[in-house]
């Protein structure tokens, strides 16, 4: 069984690799820098070193694979992230169209089904369409909002604030990237599915940012309040950070385009995964927030008060 895994050092990809190894599969992994692979894993996988934006490398590295797990590696910081994502996927699309790849599992997102108006998520929708047109068997995992996105707000959480561009009171799906990896690995190993398949990965429950703030209050042992941030303020902050206009829209448009959106697939036994936000936050967020609070204390900032253990 030949399985290719892209971004094998990422939060989802690394979990996929681990599960495949435990299932007795030696996956082929595409990496820019093999040194980033876990040393214990490096000798158990087939490493192909190259740049995923290099179409020729992707064609060669995926040739003959039964299944490819594709994660778009594009960072939405360039002048046109959506076009960059589509160009990066072109090698895989060409391989699937030529029959060099039999099946593709794509890490997509809730909102990709909109096919427009959702910032960088639109690129995933376009990749879905391109893969669907190849004739290869394709499975699109439309994933919920990652728990790990909270790690981008460490300094704010150290101050007891959870900023959000979404409606604070509106529930939405949240998911642990590790659970996404488990679902992806299960699909990569399964031989029964054919044609075009869409499967959402919604996490254990829908939560509003108000509810998330309440959960984090318990996890961190100090008050956390949700605070709405306007689209204009987000765009202004991104622009001030030096992002070009295309990147600003790619980032800000994701929340702006999906905050009133109901996913195409309902929550059911196939789309619900087990890890709760509280469990993830105790393991991954609480230590990082504590570090941020200690750093603020060293700087004399107001994040020092009430530091969590």
Protein backbone atom coordinates (compact mmCIF):
# COMPACT_ATOMS: atom_id res chain seq x y z
CA UNK A 1 0.00 0.00 0.00
CA UNK A 2 1.63 3.23 -1.18
CA UNK A 3 0.49 6.33 0.72
CA UNK A 4 1.99 9.80 0.36
CA UNK A 5 1.70 12.30 3.20
CA UNK A 6 2.39 16.01 2.72
CA UNK A 7 3.27 18.39 5.59
CA UNK A 8 4.31 15.40 7.75
CA UNK A 9 5.67 17.69 10.49
CA UNK A 10 2.44 19.66 10.87
CA UNK A 11 -0.20 19.18 13.56
CA UNK A 12 -2.40 17.03 11.31
CA UNK A 13 0.26 15.47 9.09
CA UNK A 14 2.43 14.26 11.95
CA UNK A 15 -0.54 12.48 13.48
CA UNK A 16 -1.38 10.87 10.14
CA UNK A 17 2.18 9.57 9.85
CA UNK A 18 2.10 8.14 13.38
CA UNK A 19 -1.18 6.27 12.81
CA UNK A 20 -0.02 4.88 9.46
CA UNK A 21 3.19 3.60 11.04
CA UNK A 22 1.20 1.95 13.82
CA UNK A 23 -0.96 0.29 11.15
CA UNK A 24 2.14 -1.23 9.56
CA UNK A 25 2.38 1.14 6.60
CA UNK A 26 5.62 2.83 5.55
CA UNK A 27 4.36 6.15 4.16
CA UNK A 28 6.17 8.29 1.63
CA UNK A 29 6.54 11.79 3.07
CA UNK A 30 7.21 15.01 1.20
CA UNK A 31 9.36 17.47 3.15
CA UNK A 32 11.47 20.51 2.43
CA UNK A 33 13.79 19.82 5.38
CA UNK A 34 14.11 16.19 6.57
CA UNK A 35 15.78 17.41 9.78
CA UNK A 36 12.37 18.63 10.94
CA UNK A 37 11.07 15.07 11.05
CA UNK A 38 11.04 13.42 14.44
CA UNK A 39 14.29 11.38 14.67
CA UNK A 40 12.40 8.28 15.79
CA UNK A 41 10.16 8.57 12.73
CA UNK A 42 12.73 9.46 10.09
CA UNK A 43 14.03 5.93 9.60
CA UNK A 44 10.53 4.45 9.34
CA UNK A 45 9.29 6.54 6.40
CA UNK A 46 10.26 6.99 2.77
CA UNK A 47 11.53 10.59 2.64
CA UNK A 48 11.28 12.65 -0.54
CA UNK A 49 12.98 16.02 -0.17
CA UNK A 50 11.81 18.99 -2.20
CA UNK A 51 9.60 22.04 -2.48
CA UNK A 52 5.87 21.44 -2.81
CA UNK A 53 5.60 24.54 -4.98
CA UNK A 54 7.80 22.73 -7.52
CA UNK A 55 5.34 20.99 -9.85
CA UNK A 56 7.96 18.62 -11.22
CA UNK A 57 8.96 17.53 -7.72
CA UNK A 58 5.35 16.86 -6.73
CA UNK A 59 4.72 14.88 -9.91
CA UNK A 60 7.79 12.73 -9.36
CA UNK A 61 7.29 12.30 -5.60
CA UNK A 62 3.65 11.22 -5.90
CA UNK A 63 3.96 9.05 -9.01
CA UNK A 64 2.63 5.55 -8.53
CA UNK A 65 1.01 6.31 -5.18
CA UNK A 66 -2.28 4.66 -4.42
CA UNK A 67 -3.38 7.54 -2.19
CA UNK A 68 -2.07 11.04 -1.46
CA UNK A 69 -2.94 13.05 1.64
CA UNK A 70 -2.71 16.66 0.49
CA UNK A 71 -2.41 19.59 2.88
CA UNK A 72 -2.01 22.99 1.27
CA UNK A 73 1.26 24.39 2.69
CA UNK A 74 0.64 27.96 1.49
CA UNK A 75 1.00 30.65 4.12
CA UNK A 76 -1.52 33.44 3.45
CA UNK A 77 1.08 36.20 3.57
CA UNK A 78 1.96 36.74 -0.09
CA UNK A 79 0.31 39.11 -2.56
CA UNK A 80 -2.19 36.47 -3.82
CA UNK A 81 -2.39 33.47 -1.47
CA UNK A 82 -5.33 31.89 -3.28
CA UNK A 83 -3.50 31.80 -6.60
CA UNK A 84 -0.40 30.47 -4.83
CA UNK A 85 -2.40 27.63 -3.28
CA UNK A 86 -3.86 26.64 -6.62
CA UNK A 87 -0.43 26.73 -8.30
CA UNK A 88 1.04 24.58 -5.53
CA UNK A 89 -1.68 21.96 -6.01
CA UNK A 90 -1.16 21.91 -9.78
CA UNK A 91 1.45 19.12 -9.61
CA UNK A 92 -0.91 16.87 -7.69
CA UNK A 93 -3.81 17.70 -10.00
CA UNK A 94 -1.67 16.87 -13.03
CA UNK A 95 -0.59 13.57 -11.45
CA UNK A 96 -4.20 12.63 -10.67
CA UNK A 97 -5.36 13.56 -14.17
CA UNK A 98 -2.60 11.46 -15.72
CA UNK A 99 -3.50 8.48 -13.58
CA UNK A 100 -0.21 8.54 -11.68
CA UNK A 101 -2.20 8.92 -8.44
CA UNK A 102 -5.29 6.81 -7.85
CA UNK A 103 -6.88 8.57 -4.86
CA UNK A 104 -6.53 11.89 -3.04
CA UNK A 105 -7.61 12.82 0.49
CA UNK A 106 -7.65 16.62 0.71
CA UNK A 107 -7.51 18.55 3.96
CA UNK A 108 -10.20 21.08 3.16
CA UNK A 109 -12.32 23.34 5.37
CA UNK A 110 -15.84 24.15 6.35
CA UNK A 111 -16.81 26.94 3.99
CA UNK A 112 -15.02 25.51 0.95
CA UNK A 113 -18.46 24.58 -0.40
CA UNK A 114 -19.27 28.31 -0.69
CA UNK A 115 -16.90 28.48 -3.67
CA UNK A 116 -16.30 32.17 -3.04
CA UNK A 117 -16.36 34.94 -0.46
CA UNK A 118 -14.43 33.13 2.29
CA UNK A 119 -10.89 34.44 1.94
CA UNK A 120 -8.16 31.82 1.73
CA UNK A 121 -10.75 29.05 2.21
CA UNK A 122 -11.81 29.81 -1.38
CA UNK A 123 -8.50 28.31 -2.52
CA UNK A 124 -9.47 24.98 -0.95
CA UNK A 125 -12.79 25.13 -2.76
CA UNK A 126 -10.95 25.65 -6.02
CA UNK A 127 -8.56 22.75 -5.29
CA UNK A 128 -11.61 20.57 -4.59
CA UNK A 129 -13.01 21.47 -8.01
CA UNK A 130 -9.70 20.82 -9.77
CA UNK A 131 -9.31 17.41 -8.15
CA UNK A 132 -12.92 16.48 -8.88
CA UNK A 133 -12.31 17.16 -12.56
CA UNK A 134 -9.38 14.71 -12.78
CA UNK A 135 -11.44 11.54 -12.59
CA UNK A 136 -9.43 10.25 -9.63
CA UNK A 137 -11.22 9.13 -6.48
CA UNK A 138 -11.25 12.18 -4.20
CA UNK A 139 -12.24 12.69 -0.58
CA UNK A 140 -12.54 16.19 0.84
CA UNK A 141 -12.25 16.50 4.62
CA UNK A 142 -14.02 19.75 5.45
CA UNK A 143 -12.67 20.56 8.87
CA UNK A 144 -13.96 22.80 11.61
CA UNK A 145 -12.14 25.66 13.35
CA UNK A 146 -8.93 24.26 14.85
CA UNK A 147 -8.48 24.35 18.64
CA UNK A 148 -4.87 25.26 17.89
CA UNK A 149 -5.95 28.59 16.38
CA UNK A 150 -6.20 29.73 20.00
CA UNK A 151 -2.40 29.60 20.14
CA UNK A 152 -2.36 32.73 17.97
CA UNK A 153 -3.97 34.63 20.88
CA UNK A 154 -1.53 33.77 23.68
CA UNK A 155 -0.72 37.37 24.62
CA UNK A 156 -4.40 38.32 24.61
CA UNK A 157 -5.31 35.28 26.71
CA UNK A 158 -2.55 36.22 29.14
CA UNK A 159 -4.52 39.46 29.63
CA UNK A 160 -7.77 37.54 30.02
CA UNK A 161 -9.13 38.44 26.58
CA UNK A 162 -10.29 36.12 23.79
CA UNK A 163 -10.61 38.28 20.64
CA UNK A 164 -12.75 37.04 17.77
CA UNK A 165 -13.88 38.19 14.37
CA UNK A 166 -16.80 35.73 14.60
CA UNK A 167 -20.10 36.47 16.33
CA UNK A 168 -19.24 35.78 20.00
CA UNK A 169 -22.68 34.32 20.75
CA UNK A 170 -23.05 32.07 17.68
CA UNK A 171 -22.06 28.39 18.12
CA UNK A 172 -19.68 26.92 15.56
CA UNK A 173 -17.78 23.67 15.12
CA UNK A 174 -14.34 23.33 16.77
CA UNK A 175 -11.92 20.42 16.37
CA UNK A 176 -8.62 19.03 17.65
CA UNK A 177 -6.10 18.69 14.77
CA UNK A 178 -5.06 15.33 16.21
CA UNK A 179 -8.60 14.02 15.69
CA UNK A 180 -8.49 15.24 12.09
CA UNK A 181 -5.31 13.20 11.68
CA UNK A 182 -7.08 10.12 13.00
CA UNK A 183 -9.97 10.55 10.54
CA UNK A 184 -7.58 11.21 7.65
CA UNK A 185 -5.49 8.13 8.47
CA UNK A 186 -8.59 5.96 8.68
CA UNK A 187 -9.68 7.13 5.25
CA UNK A 188 -6.20 6.64 3.78
CA UNK A 189 -6.19 3.06 5.04
CA UNK A 190 -9.75 2.25 3.94
CA UNK A 191 -10.19 0.70 0.53
CA UNK A 192 -13.94 0.89 0.09
CA UNK A 193 -14.67 4.48 -0.89
CA UNK A 194 -14.81 5.49 -4.54
CA UNK A 195 -15.68 8.53 -6.61
CA UNK A 196 -16.15 11.92 -4.98
CA UNK A 197 -16.70 11.90 -1.20
CA UNK A 198 -17.10 14.77 1.25
CA UNK A 199 -16.76 14.26 4.98
CA UNK A 200 -16.91 17.03 7.53
CA UNK A 201 -14.89 16.85 10.75
CA UNK A 202 -16.87 18.87 13.29
CA UNK A 203 -15.19 18.05 16.60
CA UNK A 204 -17.18 17.01 19.69
CA UNK A 205 -19.62 19.95 19.95
CA UNK A 206 -20.49 23.36 18.58
CA UNK A 207 -19.28 26.19 20.82
CA UNK A 208 -19.70 29.95 20.73
CA UNK A 209 -16.74 32.13 21.66
CA UNK A 210 -18.66 33.05 24.80
CA UNK A 211 -18.72 29.36 25.73
CA UNK A 212 -15.06 28.97 24.77
CA UNK A 213 -14.16 31.87 27.06
CA UNK A 214 -16.05 30.15 29.89
CA UNK A 215 -14.19 26.88 29.28
CA UNK A 216 -10.84 28.67 29.17
CA UNK A 217 -11.69 30.47 32.41
CA UNK A 218 -11.89 27.07 34.08
CA UNK A 219 -8.80 25.71 32.36
CA UNK A 220 -6.60 28.73 33.04
CA UNK A 221 -7.93 29.41 36.52
CA UNK A 222 -8.54 33.09 35.78
CA UNK A 223 -11.29 35.06 34.05
CA UNK A 224 -11.33 35.09 30.26
CA UNK A 225 -13.84 37.20 28.33
CA UNK A 226 -14.71 37.04 24.63
CA UNK A 227 -14.25 40.31 22.79
CA UNK A 228 -15.61 40.98 19.29
CA UNK A 229 -13.20 42.55 16.81
CA UNK A 230 -14.55 44.21 13.67
CA UNK A 231 -13.51 43.23 10.16
CA UNK A 232 -12.15 46.74 9.68
CA UNK A 233 -9.96 46.47 12.78
CA UNK A 234 -8.65 43.06 11.69
CA UNK A 235 -7.81 44.38 8.24
CA UNK A 236 -6.13 47.45 9.71
CA UNK A 237 -4.04 45.33 12.08
CA UNK A 238 -2.96 42.97 9.31
CA UNK A 239 -2.06 45.87 7.06
CA UNK A 240 -0.07 47.51 9.86
CA UNK A 241 1.82 44.25 10.28
CA UNK A 242 3.02 44.60 6.70
CA UNK A 243 0.75 42.14 4.89
CA UNK A 244 -0.09 43.09 1.29
CA UNK A 245 -3.76 43.73 0.41
CA UNK A 246 -4.26 40.25 -1.09
CA UNK A 247 -3.03 38.60 2.09
CA UNK A 248 -5.17 40.87 4.25
CA UNK A 249 -8.29 39.80 2.38
CA UNK A 250 -7.24 36.14 2.41
CA UNK A 251 -6.91 36.15 6.20
CA UNK A 252 -9.71 38.52 7.20
CA UNK A 253 -12.10 37.02 4.66
CA UNK A 254 -12.09 33.56 6.24
CA UNK A 255 -14.07 34.63 9.31
CA UNK A 256 -15.97 37.38 7.51
CA UNK A 257 -17.22 34.93 4.90
CA UNK A 258 -18.14 32.02 7.18
CA UNK A 259 -19.44 33.49 10.44
CA UNK A 260 -23.09 33.33 9.27
CA UNK A 261 -22.57 30.08 7.36
CA UNK A 262 -24.15 26.72 8.14
CA UNK A 263 -21.96 23.82 6.97
CA UNK A 264 -23.28 21.65 4.18
CA UNK A 265 -22.94 18.50 6.29
CA UNK A 266 -24.77 18.11 9.61
CA UNK A 267 -23.24 16.89 12.83
CA UNK A 268 -23.63 13.11 13.04
CA UNK A 269 -21.68 9.99 13.98
CA UNK A 270 -19.38 10.40 10.97
CA UNK A 271 -18.56 14.07 11.50
CA UNK A 272 -18.21 14.13 15.31
CA UNK A 273 -14.81 13.52 16.91
CA UNK A 274 -14.04 12.92 20.60
CA UNK A 275 -11.47 15.36 22.02
CA UNK A 276 -13.03 18.20 24.01
CA UNK A 277 -11.73 21.74 24.02
CA UNK A 278 -11.11 21.56 27.77
CA UNK A 279 -8.95 18.45 27.44
CA UNK A 280 -6.95 19.97 24.58
CA UNK A 281 -6.57 23.30 26.39
CA UNK A 282 -5.28 21.70 29.60
CA UNK A 283 -2.64 19.81 27.62
CA UNK A 284 -1.60 22.39 25.04
CA UNK A 285 -2.91 25.88 25.78
CA UNK A 286 -2.55 26.25 29.55
CA UNK A 287 1.27 25.77 29.54
CA UNK A 288 1.71 28.23 26.67
CA UNK A 289 -0.48 30.89 28.28
CA UNK A 290 1.49 30.48 31.51
CA UNK A 291 4.69 31.10 29.53
CA UNK A 292 3.17 34.21 27.96
CA UNK A 293 2.16 35.48 31.38
CA UNK A 294 5.63 34.94 32.78
CA UNK A 295 7.10 36.78 29.82
CA UNK A 296 4.67 39.65 30.39
CA UNK A 297 5.63 39.73 34.06
CA UNK A 298 9.30 39.92 33.11
CA UNK A 299 8.49 42.89 30.88
CA UNK A 300 6.39 44.47 33.63
CA UNK A 301 3.21 44.04 31.61
CA UNK A 302 -0.33 43.69 32.93
CA UNK A 303 -0.47 40.01 31.86
CA UNK A 304 1.37 39.09 35.05
CA UNK A 305 -1.57 39.37 37.38
CA UNK A 306 -3.15 36.10 38.43
CA UNK A 307 -0.69 33.89 36.59
CA UNK A 308 -1.90 30.31 36.22
CA UNK A 309 0.23 27.54 37.68
